[in-house]
């Protein structure tokens, strides 16, 4: 019996001050982000999706709405799908400006393998594995969509591919409104696939995604 769980990263967020918004409330999808969410829903329109679940953050729930409308499903909330915690939340962290240039913050960067500036990768992986299997159980024999965030989705993929969890963020394969799909045969993970249904709209990494 095949079950597929699609991990969907939310669409672009309205972030005019370009801060790392992380878990902060009030950050919603931009107009482009709403288009991205609709493109992702359209890409899965003919799939056998029976369960829809989201991170509790607004941008994730907004990304789930086109699926709910298209499929007639309720949007469930799973706290395990939330964005990772980060010391730099609410700050500008872009290259050449912001908090990373301030020596007062440098001590936080002492250990990139944990990482020392945020939620440990191993804890992100553990909660995301719980979320993945919870969705698989709800959709057993069918398909599920889980709306989450870049780092949690990428960490989950690294964990299940038995790869090291610490990494260069610039090398994550997890664009805006992208789908990382976990294919199960019975209880065994058989395949992981990746697609970008909103790529034609323009997808980037984004801050605090």
N, C-alpha and C. Protein backbone atom coordinates (compact mmCIF):
# COMPACT_ATOMS: atom_id res chain seq x y z
N UNK A 1 0.85 -1.19 0.00
CA UNK A 1 0.00 0.00 0.00
C UNK A 1 0.89 1.25 0.00
N UNK A 2 0.67 2.10 -0.97
CA UNK A 2 1.50 3.30 -1.11
C UNK A 2 0.84 4.51 -0.45
N UNK A 3 1.64 5.25 0.29
CA UNK A 3 1.22 6.51 0.90
C UNK A 3 2.26 7.57 0.56
N UNK A 4 1.82 8.75 0.17
CA UNK A 4 2.75 9.83 -0.16
C UNK A 4 2.45 11.03 0.73
N UNK A 5 3.49 11.54 1.36
CA UNK A 5 3.36 12.74 2.18
C UNK A 5 4.18 13.84 1.52
N UNK A 6 3.51 14.90 1.10
CA UNK A 6 4.15 16.04 0.45
C UNK A 6 4.46 17.11 1.49
N UNK A 7 5.72 17.45 1.66
CA UNK A 7 6.11 18.56 2.53
C UNK A 7 6.23 19.80 1.65
N UNK A 8 5.36 20.75 1.86
CA UNK A 8 5.28 21.96 1.05
C UNK A 8 5.83 23.15 1.83
N UNK A 9 6.82 23.81 1.26
CA UNK A 9 7.29 25.06 1.87
C UNK A 9 6.31 26.17 1.49
N UNK A 10 6.05 27.08 2.40
CA UNK A 10 5.11 28.18 2.14
C UNK A 10 5.61 29.08 1.01
N UNK A 11 4.75 29.95 0.52
CA UNK A 11 5.11 30.89 -0.53
C UNK A 11 5.83 32.13 0.00
N UNK A 12 6.14 33.03 -0.91
CA UNK A 12 6.88 34.25 -0.54
C UNK A 12 6.11 35.07 0.50
N UNK A 13 6.86 35.66 1.43
CA UNK A 13 6.28 36.42 2.53
C UNK A 13 6.50 37.92 2.33
N UNK A 14 5.52 38.71 2.72
CA UNK A 14 5.66 40.17 2.70
C UNK A 14 6.60 40.57 3.83
N UNK A 15 7.79 41.05 3.48
CA UNK A 15 8.81 41.33 4.48
C UNK A 15 9.61 42.56 4.05
N UNK A 16 8.99 43.74 4.07
CA UNK A 16 9.66 44.94 3.53
C UNK A 16 10.92 45.34 4.27
N UNK A 17 11.03 45.00 5.56
CA UNK A 17 12.23 45.37 6.31
C UNK A 17 13.32 44.31 6.22
N UNK A 18 13.03 43.21 5.55
CA UNK A 18 14.00 42.14 5.29
C UNK A 18 14.66 41.61 6.57
N UNK A 19 13.85 41.37 7.57
CA UNK A 19 14.37 40.76 8.79
C UNK A 19 14.21 39.24 8.72
N UNK A 20 14.89 38.57 9.62
CA UNK A 20 14.67 37.13 9.78
C UNK A 20 13.45 36.99 10.69
N UNK A 21 12.31 36.67 10.12
CA UNK A 21 11.06 36.73 10.89
C UNK A 21 10.79 35.47 11.70
N UNK A 22 11.35 34.35 11.31
CA UNK A 22 11.25 33.13 12.12
C UNK A 22 9.84 32.80 12.56
N UNK A 23 9.63 32.78 13.87
CA UNK A 23 8.32 32.45 14.44
C UNK A 23 7.50 33.68 14.80
N UNK A 24 7.95 34.86 14.43
CA UNK A 24 7.22 36.07 14.78
C UNK A 24 5.84 36.07 14.14
N UNK A 25 4.82 36.57 14.85
CA UNK A 25 3.48 36.65 14.28
C UNK A 25 3.38 37.82 13.30
N UNK A 26 2.36 37.78 12.47
CA UNK A 26 2.05 38.91 11.60
C UNK A 26 2.69 38.89 10.24
N UNK A 27 3.49 37.88 9.94
CA UNK A 27 4.12 37.81 8.63
C UNK A 27 3.29 36.92 7.71
N UNK A 28 2.70 37.55 6.70
CA UNK A 28 1.77 36.87 5.81
C UNK A 28 2.33 36.79 4.39
N UNK A 29 1.67 36.03 3.56
CA UNK A 29 2.11 35.89 2.18
C UNK A 29 1.98 37.21 1.42
N UNK A 30 2.92 37.47 0.55
CA UNK A 30 2.81 38.58 -0.40
C UNK A 30 1.83 38.18 -1.50
N UNK A 31 1.55 39.10 -2.40
CA UNK A 31 0.71 38.76 -3.54
C UNK A 31 1.32 37.64 -4.36
N UNK A 32 2.65 37.70 -4.56
CA UNK A 32 3.35 36.64 -5.28
C UNK A 32 3.27 35.33 -4.51
N UNK A 33 3.40 35.41 -3.20
CA UNK A 33 3.31 34.21 -2.37
C UNK A 33 1.96 33.52 -2.50
N UNK A 34 0.89 34.30 -2.61
CA UNK A 34 -0.44 33.71 -2.81
C UNK A 34 -0.54 33.01 -4.16
N UNK A 35 0.08 33.61 -5.17
CA UNK A 35 0.11 32.96 -6.48
C UNK A 35 0.89 31.65 -6.42
N UNK A 36 1.98 31.65 -5.66
CA UNK A 36 2.78 30.44 -5.51
C UNK A 36 1.96 29.32 -4.86
N UNK A 37 1.21 29.68 -3.82
CA UNK A 37 0.39 28.68 -3.13
C UNK A 37 -0.64 28.09 -4.09
N UNK A 38 -1.25 28.93 -4.92
CA UNK A 38 -2.23 28.45 -5.88
C UNK A 38 -1.57 27.54 -6.93
N UNK A 39 -0.34 27.89 -7.35
CA UNK A 39 0.37 27.07 -8.32
C UNK A 39 0.67 25.68 -7.75
N UNK A 40 1.05 25.63 -6.48
CA UNK A 40 1.32 24.35 -5.83
C UNK A 40 0.05 23.51 -5.74
N UNK A 41 -1.06 24.16 -5.38
CA UNK A 41 -2.33 23.44 -5.29
C UNK A 41 -2.76 22.91 -6.65
N UNK A 42 -2.58 23.72 -7.68
CA UNK A 42 -2.93 23.28 -9.04
C UNK A 42 -2.10 22.07 -9.45
N UNK A 43 -0.83 22.06 -9.07
CA UNK A 43 0.06 20.96 -9.44
C UNK A 43 -0.39 19.63 -8.84
N UNK A 44 -1.09 19.70 -7.71
CA UNK A 44 -1.54 18.47 -7.04
C UNK A 44 -3.05 18.26 -7.15
N UNK A 45 -3.67 18.97 -8.06
CA UNK A 45 -5.14 18.94 -8.17
C UNK A 45 -5.70 17.55 -8.43
N UNK A 46 -4.96 16.74 -9.17
CA UNK A 46 -5.47 15.42 -9.54
C UNK A 46 -4.95 14.30 -8.64
N UNK A 47 -4.29 14.67 -7.58
CA UNK A 47 -3.74 13.65 -6.67
C UNK A 47 -4.76 13.25 -5.62
N UNK A 48 -4.53 12.11 -5.03
CA UNK A 48 -5.46 11.52 -4.06
C UNK A 48 -5.14 12.03 -2.64
N UNK A 49 -5.32 13.33 -2.44
CA UNK A 49 -4.97 13.95 -1.16
C UNK A 49 -6.18 13.90 -0.23
N UNK A 50 -5.98 13.30 0.94
CA UNK A 50 -7.07 13.14 1.90
C UNK A 50 -6.81 13.83 3.23
N UNK A 51 -5.60 14.37 3.40
CA UNK A 51 -5.26 15.00 4.68
C UNK A 51 -4.39 16.22 4.42
N UNK A 52 -4.74 17.32 5.08
CA UNK A 52 -4.05 18.60 4.91
C UNK A 52 -3.71 19.16 6.28
N UNK A 53 -2.42 19.46 6.50
CA UNK A 53 -1.99 19.93 7.82
C UNK A 53 -0.94 21.01 7.64
N UNK A 54 -0.89 21.93 8.59
CA UNK A 54 -0.02 23.10 8.45
C UNK A 54 0.71 23.41 9.75
N UNK A 55 1.84 24.06 9.60
CA UNK A 55 2.49 24.76 10.71
C UNK A 55 1.49 25.78 11.26
N UNK A 56 1.60 26.14 12.53
CA UNK A 56 0.67 27.14 13.09
C UNK A 56 0.93 28.56 12.63
N UNK A 57 2.04 28.84 11.95
CA UNK A 57 2.34 30.20 11.54
C UNK A 57 1.46 30.64 10.37
N UNK A 58 1.15 31.94 10.34
CA UNK A 58 0.18 32.47 9.39
C UNK A 58 0.53 32.18 7.94
N UNK A 59 1.81 32.36 7.58
CA UNK A 59 2.20 32.18 6.18
C UNK A 59 1.99 30.75 5.72
N UNK A 60 2.16 29.80 6.62
CA UNK A 60 1.94 28.40 6.27
C UNK A 60 0.45 28.11 6.11
N UNK A 61 -0.36 28.62 7.03
CA UNK A 61 -1.81 28.40 6.93
C UNK A 61 -2.38 29.05 5.67
N UNK A 62 -1.86 30.22 5.31
CA UNK A 62 -2.31 30.87 4.07
C UNK A 62 -1.93 30.03 2.85
N UNK A 63 -0.76 29.40 2.88
CA UNK A 63 -0.33 28.55 1.77
C UNK A 63 -1.22 27.32 1.65
N UNK A 64 -1.76 26.86 2.77
CA UNK A 64 -2.64 25.69 2.75
C UNK A 64 -4.04 26.00 2.22
N UNK A 65 -4.45 27.27 2.26
CA UNK A 65 -5.84 27.62 1.92
C UNK A 65 -6.27 27.19 0.51
N UNK A 66 -5.44 27.40 -0.54
CA UNK A 66 -5.87 26.97 -1.87
C UNK A 66 -6.12 25.45 -1.95
N UNK A 67 -5.38 24.69 -1.18
CA UNK A 67 -5.59 23.24 -1.13
C UNK A 67 -6.93 22.93 -0.45
N UNK A 68 -7.20 23.63 0.66
CA UNK A 68 -8.45 23.41 1.37
C UNK A 68 -9.65 23.72 0.49
N UNK A 69 -9.56 24.84 -0.25
CA UNK A 69 -10.65 25.24 -1.12
C UNK A 69 -10.81 24.28 -2.30
N UNK A 70 -9.71 23.86 -2.85
CA UNK A 70 -9.73 22.98 -4.02
C UNK A 70 -10.20 21.57 -3.69
N UNK A 71 -9.80 21.08 -2.50
CA UNK A 71 -10.06 19.69 -2.14
C UNK A 71 -11.21 19.51 -1.17
N UNK A 72 -11.71 20.62 -0.61
CA UNK A 72 -12.78 20.52 0.38
C UNK A 72 -12.31 19.90 1.68
N UNK A 73 -11.06 20.15 2.04
CA UNK A 73 -10.49 19.59 3.26
C UNK A 73 -10.31 20.67 4.33
N UNK A 74 -10.38 20.27 5.59
CA UNK A 74 -10.04 21.17 6.68
C UNK A 74 -8.52 21.27 6.78
N UNK A 75 -8.04 22.40 7.27
CA UNK A 75 -6.60 22.57 7.51
C UNK A 75 -6.33 22.24 8.98
N UNK A 76 -5.67 21.13 9.22
CA UNK A 76 -5.28 20.76 10.57
C UNK A 76 -3.98 21.47 10.93
N UNK A 77 -3.72 21.62 12.21
CA UNK A 77 -2.51 22.30 12.67
C UNK A 77 -1.65 21.31 13.47
N UNK A 78 -0.37 21.26 13.12
CA UNK A 78 0.59 20.43 13.86
C UNK A 78 1.75 21.32 14.29
N UNK A 79 1.91 21.58 15.59
CA UNK A 79 3.01 22.42 16.06
C UNK A 79 4.39 21.90 15.68
N UNK A 80 4.50 20.61 15.41
CA UNK A 80 5.79 20.04 15.03
C UNK A 80 6.28 20.53 13.67
N UNK A 81 5.39 21.14 12.88
CA UNK A 81 5.76 21.65 11.57
C UNK A 81 6.26 23.10 11.61
N UNK A 82 6.33 23.68 12.79
CA UNK A 82 6.67 25.10 12.91
C UNK A 82 8.11 25.38 12.47
N UNK A 83 8.37 26.65 12.15
CA UNK A 83 9.72 27.10 11.81
C UNK A 83 10.67 26.84 12.99
N UNK A 84 11.94 26.72 12.69
CA UNK A 84 12.94 26.51 13.74
C UNK A 84 13.14 27.79 14.55
N UNK A 85 13.48 27.64 15.82
CA UNK A 85 13.82 28.78 16.65
C UNK A 85 15.17 29.35 16.25
N UNK A 86 15.37 30.68 16.41
CA UNK A 86 16.61 31.30 15.97
C UNK A 86 16.92 32.54 16.82
N UNK A 87 18.14 32.64 17.32
CA UNK A 87 18.58 33.78 18.12
C UNK A 87 18.40 35.10 17.38
N UNK A 88 18.58 35.08 16.05
CA UNK A 88 18.55 36.30 15.26
C UNK A 88 17.14 36.70 14.81
N UNK A 89 16.14 36.05 15.32
CA UNK A 89 14.76 36.37 14.95
C UNK A 89 14.48 37.85 15.22
N UNK A 90 13.91 38.51 14.22
CA UNK A 90 13.57 39.93 14.34
C UNK A 90 14.69 40.87 13.93
N UNK A 91 15.85 40.31 13.54
CA UNK A 91 16.99 41.13 13.15
C UNK A 91 17.26 41.01 11.65
N UNK A 92 17.97 42.00 11.11
CA UNK A 92 18.46 41.91 9.74
C UNK A 92 19.76 41.12 9.75
N UNK A 93 19.86 40.13 8.88
CA UNK A 93 21.05 39.27 8.87
C UNK A 93 21.64 39.14 7.47
N UNK A 94 21.27 40.03 6.55
CA UNK A 94 21.78 39.96 5.19
C UNK A 94 23.27 40.23 5.12
N UNK A 95 23.89 39.74 4.06
CA UNK A 95 25.32 39.96 3.86
C UNK A 95 25.62 41.45 3.79
N UNK A 96 26.58 41.89 4.60
CA UNK A 96 27.01 43.28 4.56
C UNK A 96 26.22 44.23 5.44
N UNK A 97 25.18 43.73 6.10
CA UNK A 97 24.43 44.62 6.99
C UNK A 97 23.89 43.83 8.17
N UNK A 98 23.35 44.53 9.13
CA UNK A 98 22.62 43.89 10.21
C UNK A 98 23.47 43.24 11.29
N UNK A 99 22.84 42.28 11.97
CA UNK A 99 23.36 41.72 13.21
C UNK A 99 24.69 41.00 13.05
N UNK A 100 24.95 40.40 11.91
CA UNK A 100 26.18 39.63 11.75
C UNK A 100 27.43 40.49 11.76
N UNK A 101 27.27 41.80 11.56
CA UNK A 101 28.41 42.72 11.60
C UNK A 101 28.69 43.24 13.01
N UNK A 102 27.82 42.94 13.93
CA UNK A 102 27.93 43.45 15.29
C UNK A 102 28.69 42.44 16.15
N UNK A 103 29.87 42.79 16.66
CA UNK A 103 30.65 41.84 17.47
C UNK A 103 29.92 41.29 18.69
N UNK A 104 28.91 41.99 19.15
CA UNK A 104 28.17 41.52 20.33
C UNK A 104 27.45 40.21 20.06
N UNK A 105 27.22 39.90 18.78
CA UNK A 105 26.50 38.68 18.43
C UNK A 105 27.42 37.54 18.00
N UNK A 106 28.69 37.79 17.87
CA UNK A 106 29.57 36.78 17.28
C UNK A 106 29.68 35.51 18.12
N UNK A 107 29.54 35.65 19.44
CA UNK A 107 29.64 34.48 20.30
C UNK A 107 28.57 33.43 19.96
N UNK A 108 27.45 33.89 19.43
CA UNK A 108 26.35 32.98 19.10
C UNK A 108 26.72 32.05 17.94
N UNK A 109 27.70 32.47 17.14
CA UNK A 109 28.07 31.71 15.95
C UNK A 109 29.16 30.69 16.22
N UNK A 110 29.43 30.39 17.47
CA UNK A 110 30.60 29.59 17.83
C UNK A 110 30.52 28.13 17.37
N UNK A 111 29.33 27.61 17.16
CA UNK A 111 29.22 26.18 16.81
C UNK A 111 28.18 25.98 15.71
N UNK A 112 28.62 25.95 14.45
CA UNK A 112 27.66 25.78 13.35
C UNK A 112 27.08 24.37 13.24
N UNK A 113 27.65 23.43 13.96
CA UNK A 113 27.19 22.05 13.83
C UNK A 113 26.00 21.72 14.70
N UNK A 114 25.68 22.59 15.68
CA UNK A 114 24.53 22.30 16.57
C UNK A 114 23.19 22.74 15.97
N UNK A 115 22.95 23.99 15.55
CA UNK A 115 23.82 25.17 15.60
C UNK A 115 23.63 25.94 16.90
N UNK A 116 24.64 26.70 17.28
CA UNK A 116 24.60 27.43 18.54
C UNK A 116 23.64 28.62 18.52
N UNK A 117 23.20 29.04 17.33
CA UNK A 117 22.33 30.23 17.24
C UNK A 117 20.85 29.87 17.15
N UNK A 118 20.53 28.57 17.22
CA UNK A 118 19.12 28.24 17.07
C UNK A 118 18.77 26.86 17.58
N UNK A 119 17.58 26.44 17.26
CA UNK A 119 17.09 25.11 17.64
C UNK A 119 18.03 24.04 17.09
N UNK A 120 18.47 23.10 17.90
CA UNK A 120 19.39 22.06 17.42
C UNK A 120 18.80 21.26 16.26
N UNK A 121 19.65 20.98 15.29
CA UNK A 121 19.19 20.22 14.13
C UNK A 121 18.56 18.88 14.53
N UNK A 122 19.14 18.23 15.53
CA UNK A 122 18.64 16.91 15.92
C UNK A 122 17.21 17.01 16.47
N UNK A 123 16.90 18.13 17.13
CA UNK A 123 15.54 18.30 17.65
C UNK A 123 14.56 18.66 16.54
N UNK A 124 15.03 19.45 15.58
CA UNK A 124 14.19 19.74 14.40
C UNK A 124 13.85 18.44 13.68
N UNK A 125 14.88 17.62 13.46
CA UNK A 125 14.67 16.35 12.76
C UNK A 125 13.68 15.47 13.51
N UNK A 126 13.82 15.39 14.83
CA UNK A 126 12.96 14.51 15.62
C UNK A 126 11.49 14.93 15.54
N UNK A 127 11.22 16.23 15.66
CA UNK A 127 9.82 16.66 15.61
C UNK A 127 9.24 16.56 14.21
N UNK A 128 10.08 16.79 13.20
CA UNK A 128 9.59 16.68 11.83
C UNK A 128 9.32 15.23 11.44
N UNK A 129 10.09 14.32 11.97
CA UNK A 129 9.82 12.89 11.74
C UNK A 129 8.47 12.52 12.36
N UNK A 130 8.21 13.05 13.56
CA UNK A 130 6.90 12.81 14.18
C UNK A 130 5.77 13.35 13.32
N UNK A 131 5.95 14.57 12.79
CA UNK A 131 4.92 15.18 11.94
C UNK A 131 4.71 14.37 10.66
N UNK A 132 5.82 13.92 10.07
CA UNK A 132 5.73 13.12 8.84
C UNK A 132 4.93 11.85 9.06
N UNK A 133 5.25 11.13 10.12
CA UNK A 133 4.57 9.86 10.35
C UNK A 133 3.13 10.05 10.82
N UNK A 134 2.86 11.14 11.51
CA UNK A 134 1.47 11.43 11.89
C UNK A 134 0.64 11.66 10.63
N UNK A 135 1.17 12.42 9.69
CA UNK A 135 0.45 12.66 8.43
C UNK A 135 0.30 11.38 7.64
N UNK A 136 1.33 10.55 7.64
CA UNK A 136 1.26 9.27 6.91
C UNK A 136 0.13 8.39 7.48
N UNK A 137 0.01 8.37 8.79
CA UNK A 137 -1.06 7.57 9.41
C UNK A 137 -2.43 8.10 9.03
N UNK A 138 -2.59 9.42 9.02
CA UNK A 138 -3.88 10.02 8.68
C UNK A 138 -4.26 9.73 7.22
N UNK A 139 -3.27 9.65 6.35
CA UNK A 139 -3.53 9.50 4.92
C UNK A 139 -3.20 8.10 4.41
N UNK A 140 -3.07 7.14 5.27
CA UNK A 140 -2.60 5.81 4.88
C UNK A 140 -3.34 5.30 3.64
N UNK A 141 -2.55 4.94 2.61
CA UNK A 141 -3.13 4.47 1.36
C UNK A 141 -3.50 5.59 0.41
N UNK A 142 -3.29 6.83 0.83
CA UNK A 142 -3.63 7.99 0.01
C UNK A 142 -2.45 8.97 0.05
N UNK A 143 -2.73 10.29 0.03
CA UNK A 143 -1.67 11.28 0.06
C UNK A 143 -2.02 12.40 1.04
N UNK A 144 -0.98 13.03 1.57
CA UNK A 144 -1.16 14.13 2.51
C UNK A 144 -0.28 15.30 2.09
N UNK A 145 -0.70 16.51 2.47
CA UNK A 145 0.10 17.71 2.26
C UNK A 145 0.34 18.34 3.63
N UNK A 146 1.64 18.59 3.92
CA UNK A 146 2.04 19.24 5.17
C UNK A 146 2.75 20.54 4.81
N UNK A 147 2.25 21.66 5.26
CA UNK A 147 2.87 22.95 4.95
C UNK A 147 3.82 23.33 6.09
N UNK A 148 5.08 23.55 5.74
CA UNK A 148 6.08 23.86 6.75
C UNK A 148 7.04 24.91 6.21
N UNK A 149 8.30 24.83 6.63
CA UNK A 149 9.28 25.88 6.40
C UNK A 149 10.59 25.27 5.91
N UNK A 150 11.44 26.12 5.33
CA UNK A 150 12.62 25.61 4.63
C UNK A 150 13.54 24.75 5.50
N UNK A 151 14.02 25.29 6.61
CA UNK A 151 14.98 24.55 7.41
C UNK A 151 14.39 23.26 7.98
N UNK A 152 13.19 23.26 8.54
CA UNK A 152 12.62 22.00 9.01
C UNK A 152 12.47 20.95 7.91
N UNK A 153 12.01 21.36 6.73
CA UNK A 153 11.84 20.40 5.64
C UNK A 153 13.19 19.84 5.20
N UNK A 154 14.18 20.73 5.05
CA UNK A 154 15.50 20.28 4.61
C UNK A 154 16.15 19.37 5.65
N UNK A 155 15.99 19.70 6.93
CA UNK A 155 16.56 18.88 7.99
C UNK A 155 15.92 17.50 8.01
N UNK A 156 14.62 17.44 7.81
CA UNK A 156 13.93 16.15 7.72
C UNK A 156 14.49 15.32 6.58
N UNK A 157 14.64 15.94 5.43
CA UNK A 157 15.18 15.20 4.28
C UNK A 157 16.60 14.69 4.57
N UNK A 158 17.44 15.53 5.13
CA UNK A 158 18.80 15.12 5.44
C UNK A 158 18.81 13.94 6.42
N UNK A 159 17.94 13.99 7.42
CA UNK A 159 17.88 12.92 8.41
C UNK A 159 17.47 11.59 7.78
N UNK A 160 16.47 11.63 6.91
CA UNK A 160 15.96 10.40 6.32
C UNK A 160 16.84 9.87 5.19
N UNK A 161 17.71 10.73 4.68
CA UNK A 161 18.70 10.27 3.70
C UNK A 161 20.03 9.92 4.37
N UNK A 162 20.02 9.91 5.71
CA UNK A 162 21.21 9.56 6.50
C UNK A 162 22.41 10.43 6.16
N UNK A 163 22.15 11.71 5.94
CA UNK A 163 23.20 12.68 5.68
C UNK A 163 23.40 13.55 6.91
N UNK A 164 24.55 14.17 7.02
CA UNK A 164 24.80 15.01 8.19
C UNK A 164 23.81 16.17 8.20
N UNK A 165 23.42 16.59 9.39
CA UNK A 165 22.39 17.61 9.52
C UNK A 165 22.94 19.03 9.38
N UNK A 166 24.17 19.26 9.79
CA UNK A 166 24.74 20.61 9.63
C UNK A 166 25.16 20.78 8.18
N UNK A 167 24.99 22.00 7.67
CA UNK A 167 25.11 22.19 6.23
C UNK A 167 25.27 23.69 5.91
N UNK A 168 25.56 23.96 4.66
CA UNK A 168 25.60 25.33 4.13
C UNK A 168 24.19 25.71 3.71
N UNK A 169 23.56 26.70 4.36
CA UNK A 169 22.18 27.06 4.01
C UNK A 169 21.98 27.41 2.54
N UNK A 170 23.04 27.87 1.88
CA UNK A 170 22.92 28.24 0.47
C UNK A 170 22.73 27.04 -0.43
N UNK A 171 22.95 25.83 0.09
CA UNK A 171 22.85 24.62 -0.72
C UNK A 171 21.57 23.83 -0.47
N UNK A 172 20.66 24.40 0.29
CA UNK A 172 19.39 23.71 0.53
C UNK A 172 18.58 23.64 -0.76
N UNK A 173 18.04 22.49 -1.04
CA UNK A 173 17.13 22.33 -2.18
C UNK A 173 15.71 22.38 -1.62
N UNK A 174 15.22 23.61 -1.46
CA UNK A 174 13.90 23.79 -0.86
C UNK A 174 13.42 25.20 -1.16
N UNK A 175 13.08 25.45 -2.43
CA UNK A 175 12.62 26.76 -2.86
C UNK A 175 11.25 27.10 -2.32
N UNK A 176 10.85 28.34 -2.47
CA UNK A 176 9.52 28.77 -2.05
C UNK A 176 8.44 27.97 -2.77
N UNK A 177 7.45 27.51 -2.01
CA UNK A 177 6.32 26.72 -2.54
C UNK A 177 6.78 25.45 -3.23
N UNK A 178 7.93 24.92 -2.82
CA UNK A 178 8.42 23.66 -3.39
C UNK A 178 7.82 22.47 -2.64
N UNK A 179 7.86 21.32 -3.29
CA UNK A 179 7.33 20.08 -2.74
C UNK A 179 8.46 19.06 -2.57
N UNK A 180 8.66 18.64 -1.35
CA UNK A 180 9.55 17.51 -1.06
C UNK A 180 8.63 16.36 -0.66
N UNK A 181 8.57 15.34 -1.50
CA UNK A 181 7.56 14.30 -1.34
C UNK A 181 8.19 12.98 -0.87
N UNK A 182 7.61 12.43 0.17
CA UNK A 182 8.09 11.19 0.78
C UNK A 182 7.13 10.06 0.43
N UNK A 183 7.64 9.09 -0.31
CA UNK A 183 6.83 7.99 -0.82
C UNK A 183 7.06 6.76 0.05
N UNK A 184 6.00 6.26 0.65
CA UNK A 184 6.08 5.08 1.50
C UNK A 184 5.41 3.89 0.82
N UNK A 185 6.05 2.75 0.88
CA UNK A 185 5.44 1.47 0.51
C UNK A 185 5.21 0.72 1.81
N UNK A 186 3.95 0.63 2.22
CA UNK A 186 3.68 0.14 3.56
C UNK A 186 4.24 1.13 4.57
N UNK A 187 5.04 0.63 5.51
CA UNK A 187 5.64 1.50 6.50
C UNK A 187 7.06 1.92 6.15
N UNK A 188 7.55 1.49 5.00
CA UNK A 188 8.93 1.77 4.62
C UNK A 188 9.02 2.94 3.65
N UNK A 189 9.95 3.85 3.93
CA UNK A 189 10.21 4.95 3.01
C UNK A 189 10.91 4.40 1.78
N UNK A 190 10.31 4.59 0.61
CA UNK A 190 10.84 4.03 -0.62
C UNK A 190 11.54 5.06 -1.49
N UNK A 191 11.11 6.33 -1.40
CA UNK A 191 11.64 7.33 -2.32
C UNK A 191 11.37 8.73 -1.78
N UNK A 192 12.27 9.66 -2.09
CA UNK A 192 12.04 11.08 -1.83
C UNK A 192 12.21 11.83 -3.15
N UNK A 193 11.21 12.63 -3.51
CA UNK A 193 11.27 13.40 -4.75
C UNK A 193 11.12 14.87 -4.44
N UNK A 194 11.53 15.70 -5.39
CA UNK A 194 11.50 17.15 -5.19
C UNK A 194 11.00 17.82 -6.47
N UNK A 195 10.14 18.83 -6.31
CA UNK A 195 9.65 19.58 -7.46
C UNK A 195 9.35 21.01 -7.04
N UNK A 196 9.31 21.90 -8.03
CA UNK A 196 9.04 23.31 -7.79
C UNK A 196 7.90 23.78 -8.70
N UNK A 197 6.66 23.54 -8.29
CA UNK A 197 5.52 23.89 -9.15
C UNK A 197 5.34 25.38 -9.36
N UNK A 198 5.96 26.21 -8.52
CA UNK A 198 5.83 27.67 -8.67
C UNK A 198 7.09 28.30 -9.24
N UNK A 199 7.99 27.49 -9.77
CA UNK A 199 9.28 28.01 -10.25
C UNK A 199 9.10 29.07 -11.33
N UNK A 200 8.07 28.94 -12.14
CA UNK A 200 7.85 29.90 -13.23
C UNK A 200 7.49 31.30 -12.69
N UNK A 201 7.12 31.37 -11.42
CA UNK A 201 6.78 32.65 -10.82
C UNK A 201 7.99 33.33 -10.19
N UNK A 202 9.06 32.55 -10.02
CA UNK A 202 10.26 33.08 -9.39
C UNK A 202 10.29 32.67 -7.94
N UNK A 203 11.22 31.79 -7.57
CA UNK A 203 11.31 31.30 -6.19
C UNK A 203 12.72 31.47 -5.67
N UNK A 204 12.82 32.00 -4.46
CA UNK A 204 14.13 32.17 -3.83
C UNK A 204 14.11 31.60 -2.44
N UNK A 205 15.21 31.73 -1.75
CA UNK A 205 15.31 31.14 -0.41
C UNK A 205 14.49 31.91 0.60
N UNK A 206 14.58 33.24 0.60
CA UNK A 206 13.84 34.04 1.57
C UNK A 206 14.47 33.99 2.95
N UNK A 207 14.23 34.99 3.77
CA UNK A 207 14.75 35.02 5.14
C UNK A 207 13.66 34.55 6.10
N UNK A 208 14.12 33.82 7.12
CA UNK A 208 13.18 33.37 8.16
C UNK A 208 12.10 32.49 7.60
N UNK A 209 12.45 31.70 6.55
CA UNK A 209 11.44 30.95 5.82
C UNK A 209 10.93 29.74 6.54
